[in-house]
Amino acid sequence: MTPTNIALHQKSRVLELTWPDGVVQNLPCEYLRVYSPSAEVRGHGPGQEVLQLGKENVNIKEIEPIGHYAVKLGFDDNHDSGLYDWGLLRELGDNYEEYWADYLARCEEAKYVRKEPGQII
């Protein structure tokens, strides 16, 4: 299923996806960055994932369509190697609360204290 609309809200750092079934998903740029499908983040196999830290203020600077099946998101931390196909974006939206809670738990386990957007420590 292909989104009917994709809108980037840079000020709030949110990518808004509207799907043909009427579902609207608002995915924070930080969330999309830490769940990038790139090998740099996911590794080359199970158990090789790399926890992404310090991405609280990351933003998307570029959205490049890849055929009719995906987009390449370019982030302002120069990460741009992941291709987000429509299935992955829908999965990330449908499972946002579960995946985000898992990410926060992994940050806590790593003793990483997240900064609120705009917070300087």
PDB file of N, CA and C in Angstrom:
ATOM      1  N   MET A   1       0.851  -1.175   0.000  1.00  0.00           N
ATOM      2  CA  MET A   1       0.000   0.000   0.000  1.00  0.00           C
ATOM      3  C   MET A   1       0.898   1.240   0.000  1.00  0.00           C
ATOM      4  N   THR A   2       0.632   2.156  -0.884  1.00  0.00           N
ATOM      5  CA  THR A   2       1.412   3.387  -1.020  1.00  0.00           C
ATOM      6  C   THR A   2       0.690   4.538  -0.337  1.00  0.00           C
ATOM      7  N   PRO A   3       1.429   5.369   0.438  1.00  0.00           N
ATOM      8  CA  PRO A   3       0.764   6.513   1.065  1.00  0.00           C
ATOM      9  C   PRO A   3       0.163   7.437   0.000  1.00  0.00           C
ATOM     10  N   THR A   4      -0.961   8.045   0.322  1.00  0.00           N
ATOM     11  CA  THR A   4      -1.575   9.008  -0.591  1.00  0.00           C
ATOM     12  C   THR A   4      -0.983  10.394  -0.398  1.00  0.00           C
ATOM     13  N   ASN A   5      -0.337  10.612   0.770  1.00  0.00           N
ATOM     14  CA  ASN A   5       0.306  11.893   1.029  1.00  0.00           C
ATOM     15  C   ASN A   5       1.431  11.713   2.038  1.00  0.00           C
ATOM     16  N   ILE A   6       2.514  12.439   1.790  1.00  0.00           N
ATOM     17  CA  ILE A   6       3.641  12.478   2.722  1.00  0.00           C
ATOM     18  C   ILE A   6       3.948  13.956   2.942  1.00  0.00           C
ATOM     19  N   ALA A   7       3.934  14.371   4.208  1.00  0.00           N
ATOM     20  CA  ALA A   7       4.215  15.777   4.527  1.00  0.00           C
ATOM     21  C   ALA A   7       5.250  15.825   5.642  1.00  0.00           C
ATOM     22  N   LEU A   8       6.295  16.606   5.418  1.00  0.00           N
ATOM     23  CA  LEU A   8       7.322  16.794   6.435  1.00  0.00           C
ATOM     24  C   LEU A   8       7.055  18.099   7.166  1.00  0.00           C
ATOM     25  N   HIS A   9       6.933  18.001   8.468  1.00  0.00           N
ATOM     26  CA  HIS A   9       6.750  19.176   9.318  1.00  0.00           C
ATOM     27  C   HIS A   9       8.080  19.402  10.036  1.00  0.00           C
ATOM     28  N   GLN A  10       8.942  20.204   9.417  1.00  0.00           N
ATOM     29  CA  GLN A  10      10.298  20.357   9.944  1.00  0.00           C
ATOM     30  C   GLN A  10      10.337  21.015  11.314  1.00  0.00           C
ATOM     31  N   LYS A  11       9.470  21.976  11.564  1.00  0.00           N
ATOM     32  CA  LYS A  11       9.511  22.661  12.852  1.00  0.00           C
ATOM     33  C   LYS A  11       9.222  21.699  14.002  1.00  0.00           C
ATOM     34  N   SER A  12       8.238  20.826  13.820  1.00  0.00           N
ATOM     35  CA  SER A  12       7.906  19.851  14.869  1.00  0.00           C
ATOM     36  C   SER A  12       8.671  18.540  14.696  1.00  0.00           C
ATOM     37  N   ARG A  13       9.469  18.441  13.629  1.00  0.00           N
ATOM     38  CA  ARG A  13      10.273  17.245  13.346  1.00  0.00           C
ATOM     39  C   ARG A  13       9.405  15.992  13.249  1.00  0.00           C
ATOM     40  N   VAL A  14       8.379  16.057  12.417  1.00  0.00           N
ATOM     41  CA  VAL A  14       7.435  14.951  12.254  1.00  0.00           C
ATOM     42  C   VAL A  14       7.187  14.715  10.763  1.00  0.00           C
ATOM     43  N   LEU A  15       7.188  13.428  10.378  1.00  0.00           N
ATOM     44  CA  LEU A  15       6.809  13.035   9.033  1.00  0.00           C
ATOM     45  C   LEU A  15       5.384  12.494   9.109  1.00  0.00           C
ATOM     46  N   GLU A  16       4.484  13.133   8.376  1.00  0.00           N
ATOM     47  CA  GLU A  16       3.074  12.735   8.380  1.00  0.00           C
ATOM     48  C   GLU A  16       2.773  11.908   7.144  1.00  0.00           C
ATOM     49  N   LEU A  17       2.246  10.716   7.371  1.00  0.00           N
ATOM     50  CA  LEU A  17       1.882   9.816   6.282  1.00  0.00           C
ATOM     51  C   LEU A  17       0.384   9.597   6.297  1.00  0.00           C
ATOM     52  N   THR A  18      -0.252   9.754   5.137  1.00  0.00           N
ATOM     53  CA  THR A  18      -1.672   9.458   4.996  1.00  0.00           C
ATOM     54  C   THR A  18      -1.780   8.242   4.079  1.00  0.00           C
ATOM     55  N   TRP A  19      -2.526   7.238   4.519  1.00  0.00           N
ATOM     56  CA  TRP A  19      -2.650   5.974   3.793  1.00  0.00           C
ATOM     57  C   TRP A  19      -4.013   5.874   3.126  1.00  0.00           C
ATOM     58  N   PRO A  20      -4.121   5.066   2.066  1.00  0.00           N
ATOM     59  CA  PRO A  20      -5.396   4.937   1.338  1.00  0.00           C
ATOM     60  C   PRO A  20      -6.577   4.489   2.207  1.00  0.00           C
ATOM     61  N   ASP A  21      -6.312   3.796   3.306  1.00  0.00           N
ATOM     62  CA  ASP A  21      -7.402   3.354   4.184  1.00  0.00           C
ATOM     63  C   ASP A  21      -7.809   4.437   5.186  1.00  0.00           C
ATOM     64  N   GLY A  22      -7.265   5.665   5.013  1.00  0.00           N
ATOM     65  CA  GLY A  22      -7.646   6.784   5.862  1.00  0.00           C
ATOM     66  C   GLY A  22      -6.802   6.961   7.104  1.00  0.00           C
ATOM     67  N   VAL A  23      -5.900   6.029   7.368  1.00  0.00           N
ATOM     68  CA  VAL A  23      -5.035   6.134   8.540  1.00  0.00           C
ATOM     69  C   VAL A  23      -4.007   7.238   8.310  1.00  0.00           C
ATOM     70  N   VAL A  24      -3.851   8.104   9.315  1.00  0.00           N
ATOM     71  CA  VAL A  24      -2.836   9.157   9.284  1.00  0.00           C
ATOM     72  C   VAL A  24      -1.853   8.858  10.409  1.00  0.00           C
ATOM     73  N   GLN A  25      -0.572   8.796  10.068  1.00  0.00           N
ATOM     74  CA  GLN A  25       0.458   8.503  11.052  1.00  0.00           C
ATOM     75  C   GLN A  25       1.435   9.662  11.108  1.00  0.00           C
ATOM     76  N   ASN A  26       1.789  10.061  12.318  1.00  0.00           N
ATOM     77  CA  ASN A  26       2.762  11.127  12.537  1.00  0.00           C
ATOM     78  C   ASN A  26       3.987  10.510  13.202  1.00  0.00           C
ATOM     79  N   LEU A  27       5.066  10.380  12.439  1.00  0.00           N
ATOM     80  CA  LEU A  27       6.264   9.703  12.918  1.00  0.00           C
ATOM     81  C   LEU A  27       7.375  10.720  13.170  1.00  0.00           C
ATOM     82  N   PRO A  28       7.840  10.815  14.421  1.00  0.00           N
ATOM     83  CA  PRO A  28       8.918  11.747  14.734  1.00  0.00           C
ATOM     84  C   PRO A  28      10.197  11.399  13.966  1.00  0.00           C
ATOM     85  N   CYS A  29      10.926  12.413  13.563  1.00  0.00           N
ATOM     86  CA  CYS A  29      12.173  12.203  12.827  1.00  0.00           C
ATOM     87  C   CYS A  29      13.157  11.368  13.649  1.00  0.00           C
ATOM     88  N   GLU A  30      13.220  11.624  14.952  1.00  0.00           N
ATOM     89  CA  GLU A  30      14.119  10.836  15.807  1.00  0.00           C
ATOM     90  C   GLU A  30      13.767   9.355  15.717  1.00  0.00           C
ATOM     91  N   TYR A  31      12.507   9.038  15.790  1.00  0.00           N
ATOM     92  CA  TYR A  31      12.040   7.647  15.705  1.00  0.00           C
ATOM     93  C   TYR A  31      12.455   7.023  14.378  1.00  0.00           C
ATOM     94  N   LEU A  32      12.217   7.737  13.289  1.00  0.00           N
ATOM     95  CA  LEU A  32      12.598   7.216  11.975  1.00  0.00           C
ATOM     96  C   LEU A  32      14.110   7.025  11.871  1.00  0.00           C
ATOM     97  N   ARG A  33      14.868   7.919  12.481  1.00  0.00           N
ATOM     98  CA  ARG A  33      16.336   7.827  12.433  1.00  0.00           C
ATOM     99  C   ARG A  33      16.841   6.633  13.229  1.00  0.00           C
ATOM    100  N   VAL A  34      16.308   6.428  14.430  1.00  0.00           N
ATOM    101  CA  VAL A  34      16.821   5.335  15.259  1.00  0.00           C
ATOM    102  C   VAL A  34      16.339   3.969  14.764  1.00  0.00           C
ATOM    103  N   TYR A  35      15.289   3.951  13.947  1.00  0.00           N
ATOM    104  CA  TYR A  35      14.821   2.703  13.343  1.00  0.00           C
ATOM    105  C   TYR A  35      15.127   2.652  11.849  1.00  0.00           C
ATOM    106  N   SER A  36      16.175   3.335  11.430  1.00  0.00           N
ATOM    107  CA  SER A  36      16.588   3.317  10.023  1.00  0.00           C
ATOM    108  C   SER A  36      16.842   1.877   9.571  1.00  0.00           C
ATOM    109  N   PRO A  37      16.423   1.555   8.350  1.00  0.00           N
ATOM    110  CA  PRO A  37      16.670   0.212   7.832  1.00  0.00           C
ATOM    111  C   PRO A  37      18.094   0.005   7.316  1.00  0.00           C
ATOM    112  N   SER A  38      18.960   0.971   7.498  1.00  0.00           N
ATOM    113  CA  SER A  38      20.326   0.857   6.976  1.00  0.00           C
ATOM    114  C   SER A  38      21.139  -0.181   7.731  1.00  0.00           C
ATOM    115  N   ALA A  39      22.151  -0.716   7.082  1.00  0.00           N
ATOM    116  CA  ALA A  39      23.058  -1.674   7.721  1.00  0.00           C
ATOM    117  C   ALA A  39      23.801  -1.009   8.878  1.00  0.00           C
ATOM    118  N   GLU A  40      24.045   0.288   8.776  1.00  0.00           N
ATOM    119  CA  GLU A  40      24.720   1.032   9.852  1.00  0.00           C
ATOM    120  C   GLU A  40      23.942   0.938  11.168  1.00  0.00           C
ATOM    121  N   VAL A  41      22.617   0.879  11.081  1.00  0.00           N
ATOM    122  CA  VAL A  41      21.762   0.811  12.253  1.00  0.00           C
ATOM    123  C   VAL A  41      21.351  -0.632  12.559  1.00  0.00           C
ATOM    124  N   ARG A  42      20.910  -1.345  11.547  1.00  0.00           N
ATOM    125  CA  ARG A  42      20.376  -2.695  11.739  1.00  0.00           C
ATOM    126  C   ARG A  42      21.449  -3.777  11.777  1.00  0.00           C
ATOM    127  N   GLY A  43      22.654  -3.455  11.298  1.00  0.00           N
ATOM    128  CA  GLY A  43      23.695  -4.467  11.211  1.00  0.00           C
ATOM    129  C   GLY A  43      23.467  -5.353   9.997  1.00  0.00           C
ATOM    130  N   HIS A  44      24.246  -6.417   9.915  1.00  0.00           N
ATOM    131  CA  HIS A  44      24.136  -7.319   8.766  1.00  0.00           C
ATOM    132  C   HIS A  44      23.475  -8.637   9.134  1.00  0.00           C
ATOM    133  N   GLY A  45      22.897  -8.683  10.325  1.00  0.00           N
ATOM    134  CA  GLY A  45      22.209  -9.891  10.757  1.00  0.00           C
ATOM    135  C   GLY A  45      21.659  -9.700  12.150  1.00  0.00           C
ATOM    136  N   PRO A  46      20.858 -10.666  12.600  1.00  0.00           N
ATOM    137  CA  PRO A  46      20.267 -10.580  13.936  1.00  0.00           C
ATOM    138  C   PRO A  46      21.339 -10.412  15.015  1.00  0.00           C
ATOM    139  N   GLY A  47      21.043  -9.524  15.966  1.00  0.00           N
ATOM    140  CA  GLY A  47      21.974  -9.297  17.063  1.00  0.00           C
ATOM    141  C   GLY A  47      23.071  -8.294  16.755  1.00  0.00           C
ATOM    142  N   GLN A  48      23.090  -7.753  15.549  1.00  0.00           N
ATOM    143  CA  GLN A  48      24.132  -6.795  15.164  1.00  0.00           C
ATOM    144  C   GLN A  48      23.625  -5.357  15.137  1.00  0.00           C
ATOM    145  N   GLU A  49      22.411  -5.135  15.663  1.00  0.00           N
ATOM    146  CA  GLU A  49      21.834  -3.798  15.669  1.00  0.00           C
ATOM    147  C   GLU A  49      22.714  -2.856  16.501  1.00  0.00           C
ATOM    148  N   VAL A  50      22.775  -1.600  16.087  1.00  0.00           N
ATOM    149  CA  VAL A  50      23.562  -0.595  16.795  1.00  0.00           C
ATOM    150  C   VAL A  50      22.596   0.440  17.368  1.00  0.00           C
ATOM    151  N   LEU A  51      22.559   0.549  18.696  1.00  0.00           N
ATOM    152  CA  LEU A  51      21.682   1.514  19.354  1.00  0.00           C
ATOM    153  C   LEU A  51      22.104   2.929  18.962  1.00  0.00           C
ATOM    154  N   GLN A  52      21.165   3.694  18.442  1.00  0.00           N
ATOM    155  CA  GLN A  52      21.426   5.056  18.000  1.00  0.00           C
ATOM    156  C   GLN A  52      21.123   6.019  19.138  1.00  0.00           C
ATOM    157  N   LEU A  53      22.124   6.742  19.588  1.00  0.00           N
ATOM    158  CA  LEU A  53      21.957   7.674  20.701  1.00  0.00           C
ATOM    159  C   LEU A  53      22.246   9.097  20.242  1.00  0.00           C
ATOM    160  N   GLY A  54      21.684  10.066  20.943  1.00  0.00           N
ATOM    161  CA  GLY A  54      21.952  11.467  20.635  1.00  0.00           C
ATOM    162  C   GLY A  54      21.221  11.981  19.411  1.00  0.00           C
ATOM    163  N   LYS A  55      20.087  11.391  19.098  1.00  0.00           N
ATOM    164  CA  LYS A  55      19.341  11.777  17.883  1.00  0.00           C
ATOM    165  C   LYS A  55      18.084  12.586  18.204  1.00  0.00           C
ATOM    166  N   GLU A  56      17.991  13.114  19.436  1.00  0.00           N
ATOM    167  CA  GLU A  56      16.776  13.807  19.873  1.00  0.00           C
ATOM    168  C   GLU A  56      16.407  14.989  18.985  1.00  0.00           C
ATOM    169  N   ASN A  57      17.394  15.692  18.450  1.00  0.00           N
ATOM    170  CA  ASN A  57      17.108  16.896  17.659  1.00  0.00           C
ATOM    171  C   ASN A  57      17.315  16.693  16.157  1.00  0.00           C
ATOM    172  N   VAL A  58      17.414  15.443  15.725  1.00  0.00           N
ATOM    173  CA  VAL A  58      17.632  15.184  14.307  1.00  0.00           C
ATOM    174  C   VAL A  58      16.382  15.574  13.507  1.00  0.00           C
ATOM    175  N   ASN A  59      16.622  16.010  12.291  1.00  0.00           N
ATOM    176  CA  ASN A  59      15.521  16.381  11.407  1.00  0.00           C
ATOM    177  C   ASN A  59      15.767  15.767  10.038  1.00  0.00           C
ATOM    178  N   ILE A  60      14.732  15.668   9.263  1.00  0.00           N
ATOM    179  CA  ILE A  60      14.846  15.196   7.885  1.00  0.00           C
ATOM    180  C   ILE A  60      15.086  16.415   7.011  1.00  0.00           C
ATOM    181  N   LYS A  61      16.103  16.343   6.177  1.00  0.00           N
ATOM    182  CA  LYS A  61      16.383  17.473   5.283  1.00  0.00           C
ATOM    183  C   LYS A  61      16.011  17.161   3.836  1.00  0.00           C
ATOM    184  N   GLU A  62      15.803  15.859   3.534  1.00  0.00           N
ATOM    185  CA  GLU A  62      15.507  15.487   2.152  1.00  0.00           C
ATOM    186  C   GLU A  62      14.698  14.196   2.118  1.00  0.00           C
ATOM    187  N   ILE A  63      13.706  14.165   1.237  1.00  0.00           N
ATOM    188  CA  ILE A  63      12.924  12.958   0.980  1.00  0.00           C
ATOM    189  C   ILE A  63      13.036  12.679  -0.513  1.00  0.00           C
ATOM    190  N   GLU A  64      13.650  11.550  -0.837  1.00  0.00           N
ATOM    191  CA  GLU A  64      13.856  11.204  -2.241  1.00  0.00           C
ATOM    192  C   GLU A  64      13.045   9.964  -2.590  1.00  0.00           C
ATOM    193  N   PRO A  65      12.117  10.071  -3.542  1.00  0.00           N
ATOM    194  CA  PRO A  65      11.356   8.883  -3.951  1.00  0.00           C
ATOM    195  C   PRO A  65      12.289   7.861  -4.601  1.00  0.00           C
ATOM    196  N   ILE A  66      12.081   6.599  -4.284  1.00  0.00           N
ATOM    197  CA  ILE A  66      12.821   5.503  -4.909  1.00  0.00           C
ATOM    198  C   ILE A  66      11.776   4.640  -5.611  1.00  0.00           C
ATOM    199  N   GLY A  67      11.693   4.787  -6.932  1.00  0.00           N
ATOM    200  CA  GLY A  67      10.677   4.070  -7.693  1.00  0.00           C
ATOM    201  C   GLY A  67       9.296   4.356  -7.127  1.00  0.00           C
ATOM    202  N   HIS A  68       8.472   3.325  -7.122  1.00  0.00           N
ATOM    203  CA  HIS A  68       7.114   3.448  -6.576  1.00  0.00           C
ATOM    204  C   HIS A  68       6.974   2.680  -5.274  1.00  0.00           C
ATOM    205  N   TYR A  69       8.108   2.318  -4.670  1.00  0.00           N
ATOM    206  CA  TYR A  69       8.039   1.423  -3.524  1.00  0.00           C
ATOM    207  C   TYR A  69       8.668   1.953  -2.241  1.00  0.00           C
ATOM    208  N   ALA A  70       9.396   3.074  -2.308  1.00  0.00           N
ATOM    209  CA  ALA A  70      10.128   3.511  -1.119  1.00  0.00           C
ATOM    210  C   ALA A  70      10.510   4.978  -1.212  1.00  0.00           C
ATOM    211  N   VAL A  71      11.037   5.486  -0.082  1.00  0.00           N
ATOM    212  CA  VAL A  71      11.675   6.798  -0.041  1.00  0.00           C
ATOM    213  C   VAL A  71      13.012   6.646   0.673  1.00  0.00           C
ATOM    214  N   LYS A  72      13.929   7.484   0.275  1.00  0.00           N
ATOM    215  CA  LYS A  72      15.221   7.586   0.955  1.00  0.00           C
ATOM    216  C   LYS A  72      15.149   8.873   1.762  1.00  0.00           C
ATOM    217  N   LEU A  73      15.330   8.745   3.073  1.00  0.00           N
ATOM    218  CA  LEU A  73      15.270   9.910   3.939  1.00  0.00           C
ATOM    219  C   LEU A  73      16.686  10.378   4.232  1.00  0.00           C
ATOM    220  N   GLY A  74      16.944  11.648   3.967  1.00  0.00           N
ATOM    221  CA  GLY A  74      18.234  12.248   4.292  1.00  0.00           C
ATOM    222  C   GLY A  74      18.081  13.063   5.561  1.00  0.00           C
ATOM    223  N   PHE A  75      18.828  12.690   6.591  1.00  0.00           N
ATOM    224  CA  PHE A  75      18.739  13.369   7.878  1.00  0.00           C
ATOM    225  C   PHE A  75      19.834  14.419   7.997  1.00  0.00           C
ATOM    226  N   ASP A  76      19.617  15.403   8.865  1.00  0.00           N
ATOM    227  CA  ASP A  76      20.591  16.488   8.996  1.00  0.00           C
ATOM    228  C   ASP A  76      21.840  16.094   9.793  1.00  0.00           C
ATOM    229  N   ASP A  77      21.918  14.829  10.239  1.00  0.00           N
ATOM    230  CA  ASP A  77      23.170  14.335  10.825  1.00  0.00           C
ATOM    231  C   ASP A  77      23.982  13.576   9.765  1.00  0.00           C
ATOM    232  N   ASN A  78      23.599  13.777   8.496  1.00  0.00           N
ATOM    233  CA  ASN A  78      24.242  13.192   7.314  1.00  0.00           C
ATOM    234  C   ASN A  78      23.973  11.707   7.127  1.00  0.00           C
ATOM    235  N   HIS A  79      23.045  11.146   7.855  1.00  0.00           N
ATOM    236  CA  HIS A  79      22.649   9.751   7.626  1.00  0.00           C
ATOM    237  C   HIS A  79      21.633   9.738   6.494  1.00  0.00           C
ATOM    238  N   ASP A  80      21.916   8.966   5.443  1.00  0.00           N
ATOM    239  CA  ASP A  80      20.978   8.903   4.318  1.00  0.00           C
ATOM    240  C   ASP A  80      21.047   7.566   3.584  1.00  0.00           C
ATOM    241  N   SER A  81      21.447   6.516   4.296  1.00  0.00           N
ATOM    242  CA  SER A  81      21.664   5.253   3.591  1.00  0.00           C
ATOM    243  C   SER A  81      20.528   4.238   3.740  1.00  0.00           C
ATOM    244  N   GLY A  82      19.453   4.598   4.407  1.00  0.00           N
ATOM    245  CA  GLY A  82      18.357   3.652   4.558  1.00  0.00           C
ATOM    246  C   GLY A  82      17.233   3.916   3.574  1.00  0.00           C
ATOM    247  N   LEU A  83      16.693   2.833   2.977  1.00  0.00           N
ATOM    248  CA  LEU A  83      15.522   2.950   2.107  1.00  0.00           C
ATOM    249  C   LEU A  83      14.301   2.486   2.893  1.00  0.00           C
ATOM    250  N   TYR A  84      13.362   3.385   3.060  1.00  0.00           N
ATOM    251  CA  TYR A  84      12.143   3.104   3.812  1.00  0.00           C
ATOM    252  C   TYR A  84      11.047   2.717   2.820  1.00  0.00           C
ATOM    253  N   ASP A  85      10.806   1.412   2.672  1.00  0.00           N
ATOM    254  CA  ASP A  85       9.739   1.022   1.756  1.00  0.00           C
ATOM    255  C   ASP A  85       8.398   1.231   2.452  1.00  0.00           C
ATOM    256  N   TRP A  86       7.325   1.202   1.662  1.00  0.00           N
ATOM    257  CA  TRP A  86       6.011   1.537   2.208  1.00  0.00           C
ATOM    258  C   TRP A  86       5.615   0.574   3.321  1.00  0.00           C
ATOM    259  N   GLY A  87       5.949  -0.699   3.178  1.00  0.00           N
ATOM    260  CA  GLY A  87       5.618  -1.678   4.214  1.00  0.00           C
ATOM    261  C   GLY A  87       6.299  -1.363   5.535  1.00  0.00           C
ATOM    262  N   LEU A  88       7.574  -0.974   5.464  1.00  0.00           N
ATOM    263  CA  LEU A  88       8.306  -0.632   6.680  1.00  0.00           C
ATOM    264  C   LEU A  88       7.711   0.613   7.333  1.00  0.00           C
ATOM    265  N   LEU A  89       7.409   1.639   6.538  1.00  0.00           N
ATOM    266  CA  LEU A  89       6.834   2.863   7.114  1.00  0.00           C
ATOM    267  C   LEU A  89       5.498   2.575   7.784  1.00  0.00           C
ATOM    268  N   ARG A  90       4.678   1.746   7.153  1.00  0.00           N
ATOM    269  CA  ARG A  90       3.386   1.408   7.756  1.00  0.00           C
ATOM    270  C   ARG A  90       3.620   0.632   9.049  1.00  0.00           C
ATOM    271  N   GLU A  91       4.556  -0.320   9.025  1.00  0.00           N
ATOM    272  CA  GLU A  91       4.879  -1.092  10.232  1.00  0.00           C
ATOM    273  C   GLU A  91       5.371  -0.180  11.355  1.00  0.00           C
ATOM    274  N   LEU A  92       6.247   0.761  11.021  1.00  0.00           N
ATOM    275  CA  LEU A  92       6.751   1.690  12.036  1.00  0.00           C
ATOM    276  C   LEU A  92       5.621   2.530  12.623  1.00  0.00           C
ATOM    277  N   GLY A  93       4.678   2.923  11.779  1.00  0.00           N
ATOM    278  CA  GLY A  93       3.536   3.690  12.276  1.00  0.00           C
ATOM    279  C   GLY A  93       2.586   2.844  13.111  1.00  0.00           C
ATOM    280  N   ASP A  94       2.270   1.647  12.622  1.00  0.00           N
ATOM    281  CA  ASP A  94       1.331   0.775  13.325  1.00  0.00           C
ATOM    282  C   ASP A  94       1.876   0.318  14.676  1.00  0.00           C
ATOM    283  N   ASN A  95       3.200   0.221  14.797  1.00  0.00           N
ATOM    284  CA  ASN A  95       3.823  -0.305  16.016  1.00  0.00           C
ATOM    285  C   ASN A  95       4.581   0.766  16.794  1.00  0.00           C
ATOM    286  N   TYR A  96       4.262   2.034  16.533  1.00  0.00           N
ATOM    287  CA  TYR A  96       5.018   3.136  17.124  1.00  0.00           C
ATOM    288  C   TYR A  96       5.154   3.012  18.644  1.00  0.00           C
ATOM    289  N   GLU A  97       4.051   2.850  19.341  1.00  0.00           N
ATOM    290  CA  GLU A  97       4.122   2.857  20.811  1.00  0.00           C
ATOM    291  C   GLU A  97       5.000   1.727  21.331  1.00  0.00           C
ATOM    292  N   GLU A  98       4.855   0.540  20.779  1.00  0.00           N
ATOM    293  CA  GLU A  98       5.659  -0.616  21.209  1.00  0.00           C
ATOM    294  C   GLU A  98       7.141  -0.410  20.878  1.00  0.00           C
ATOM    295  N   TYR A  99       7.432   0.000  19.646  1.00  0.00           N
ATOM    296  CA  TYR A  99       8.826   0.176  19.228  1.00  0.00           C
ATOM    297  C   TYR A  99       9.490   1.326  19.990  1.00  0.00           C
ATOM    298  N   TRP A 100       8.745   2.403  20.205  1.00  0.00           N
ATOM    299  CA  TRP A 100       9.319   3.548  20.912  1.00  0.00           C
ATOM    300  C   TRP A 100       9.623   3.177  22.361  1.00  0.00           C
ATOM    301  N   ALA A 101       8.718   2.457  23.000  1.00  0.00           N
ATOM    302  CA  ALA A 101       8.937   2.008  24.378  1.00  0.00           C
ATOM    303  C   ALA A 101      10.175   1.103  24.441  1.00  0.00           C
ATOM    304  N   ASP A 102      10.342   0.250  23.440  1.00  0.00           N
ATOM    305  CA  ASP A 102      11.516  -0.623  23.394  1.00  0.00           C
ATOM    306  C   ASP A 102      12.790   0.202  23.250  1.00  0.00           C
ATOM    307  N   TYR A 103      12.750   1.217  22.385  1.00  0.00           N
ATOM    308  CA  TYR A 103      13.924   2.087  22.210  1.00  0.00           C
ATOM    309  C   TYR A 103      14.270   2.797  23.517  1.00  0.00           C
ATOM    310  N   LEU A 104      13.268   3.348  24.195  1.00  0.00           N
ATOM    311  CA  LEU A 104      13.511   4.047  25.457  1.00  0.00           C
ATOM    312  C   LEU A 104      14.076   3.095  26.513  1.00  0.00           C
ATOM    313  N   ALA A 105      13.594   1.864  26.523  1.00  0.00           N
ATOM    314  CA  ALA A 105      14.114   0.875  27.471  1.00  0.00           C
ATOM    315  C   ALA A 105      15.580   0.550  27.161  1.00  0.00           C
ATOM    316  N   ARG A 106      15.914   0.454  25.885  1.00  0.00           N
ATOM    317  CA  ARG A 106      17.310   0.179  25.512  1.00  0.00           C
ATOM    318  C   ARG A 106      18.212   1.363  25.848  1.00  0.00           C
ATOM    319  N   CYS A 107      17.704   2.588  25.711  1.00  0.00           N
ATOM    320  CA  CYS A 107      18.476   3.773  26.106  1.00  0.00           C
ATOM    321  C   CYS A 107      18.750   3.724  27.607  1.00  0.00           C
ATOM    322  N   GLU A 108      17.715   3.398  28.370  1.00  0.00           N
ATOM    323  CA  GLU A 108      17.859   3.323  29.822  1.00  0.00           C
ATOM    324  C   GLU A 108      18.857   2.235  30.209  1.00  0.00           C
ATOM    325  N   GLU A 109      18.763   1.101  29.554  1.00  0.00           N
ATOM    326  CA  GLU A 109      19.681  -0.012  29.814  1.00  0.00           C
ATOM    327  C   GLU A 109      21.127   0.397  29.541  1.00  0.00           C
ATOM    328  N   ALA A 110      21.306   1.247  28.525  1.00  0.00           N
ATOM    329  CA  ALA A 110      22.643   1.739  28.166  1.00  0.00           C
ATOM    330  C   ALA A 110      23.059   2.927  29.041  1.00  0.00           C
ATOM    331  N   LYS A 111      22.205   3.279  30.011  1.00  0.00           N
ATOM    332  CA  LYS A 111      22.459   4.405  30.928  1.00  0.00           C
ATOM    333  C   LYS A 111      22.547   5.736  30.178  1.00  0.00           C
ATOM    334  N   TYR A 112      21.821   5.821  29.080  1.00  0.00           N
ATOM    335  CA  TYR A 112      21.785   7.059  28.292  1.00  0.00           C
ATOM    336  C   TYR A 112      20.593   7.886  28.733  1.00  0.00           C
ATOM    337  N   VAL A 113      20.833   9.141  29.073  1.00  0.00           N
ATOM    338  CA  VAL A 113      19.765  10.052  29.465  1.00  0.00           C
ATOM    339  C   VAL A 113      19.416  10.904  28.247  1.00  0.00           C
ATOM    340  N   ARG A 114      18.216  10.692  27.735  1.00  0.00           N
ATOM    341  CA  ARG A 114      17.764  11.447  26.562  1.00  0.00           C
ATOM    342  C   ARG A 114      17.545  12.904  26.927  1.00  0.00           C
ATOM    343  N   LYS A 115      17.889  13.779  26.005  1.00  0.00           N
ATOM    344  CA  LYS A 115      17.629  15.208  26.157  1.00  0.00           C
ATOM    345  C   LYS A 115      16.281  15.507  25.516  1.00  0.00           C
ATOM    346  N   GLU A 116      15.544  16.393  26.113  1.00  0.00           N
ATOM    347  CA  GLU A 116      14.316  16.842  25.464  1.00  0.00           C
ATOM    348  C   GLU A 116      14.730  17.731  24.290  1.00  0.00           C
ATOM    349  N   PRO A 117      13.950  17.731  23.207  1.00  0.00           N
ATOM    350  CA  PRO A 117      14.320  18.582  22.074  1.00  0.00           C
ATOM    351  C   PRO A 117      14.595  20.011  22.507  1.00  0.00           C
ATOM    352  N   GLY A 118      15.727  20.524  22.078  1.00  0.00           N
ATOM    353  CA  GLY A 118      16.117  21.891  22.411  1.00  0.00           C
ATOM    354  C   GLY A 118      16.892  22.005  23.706  1.00  0.00           C
ATOM    355  N   GLN A 119      16.922  20.936  24.496  1.00  0.00           N
ATOM    356  CA  GLN A 119      17.628  20.972  25.789  1.00  0.00           C
ATOM    357  C   GLN A 119      19.127  20.872  25.552  1.00  0.00           C
ATOM    358  N   ILE A 120      19.867  21.686  26.266  1.00  0.00           N
ATOM    359  CA  ILE A 120      21.325  21.683  26.171  1.00  0.00           C
ATOM    360  C   ILE A 120      21.874  21.207  27.502  1.00  0.00           C
ATOM    361  N   ILE A 121      22.698  20.170  27.447  1.00  0.00           N
ATOM    362  CA  ILE A 121      23.299  19.644  28.674  1.00  0.00           C
ATOM    363  C   ILE A 121      24.811  19.700  28.539  1.00  0.00           C
TER     364      ILE A 121
END
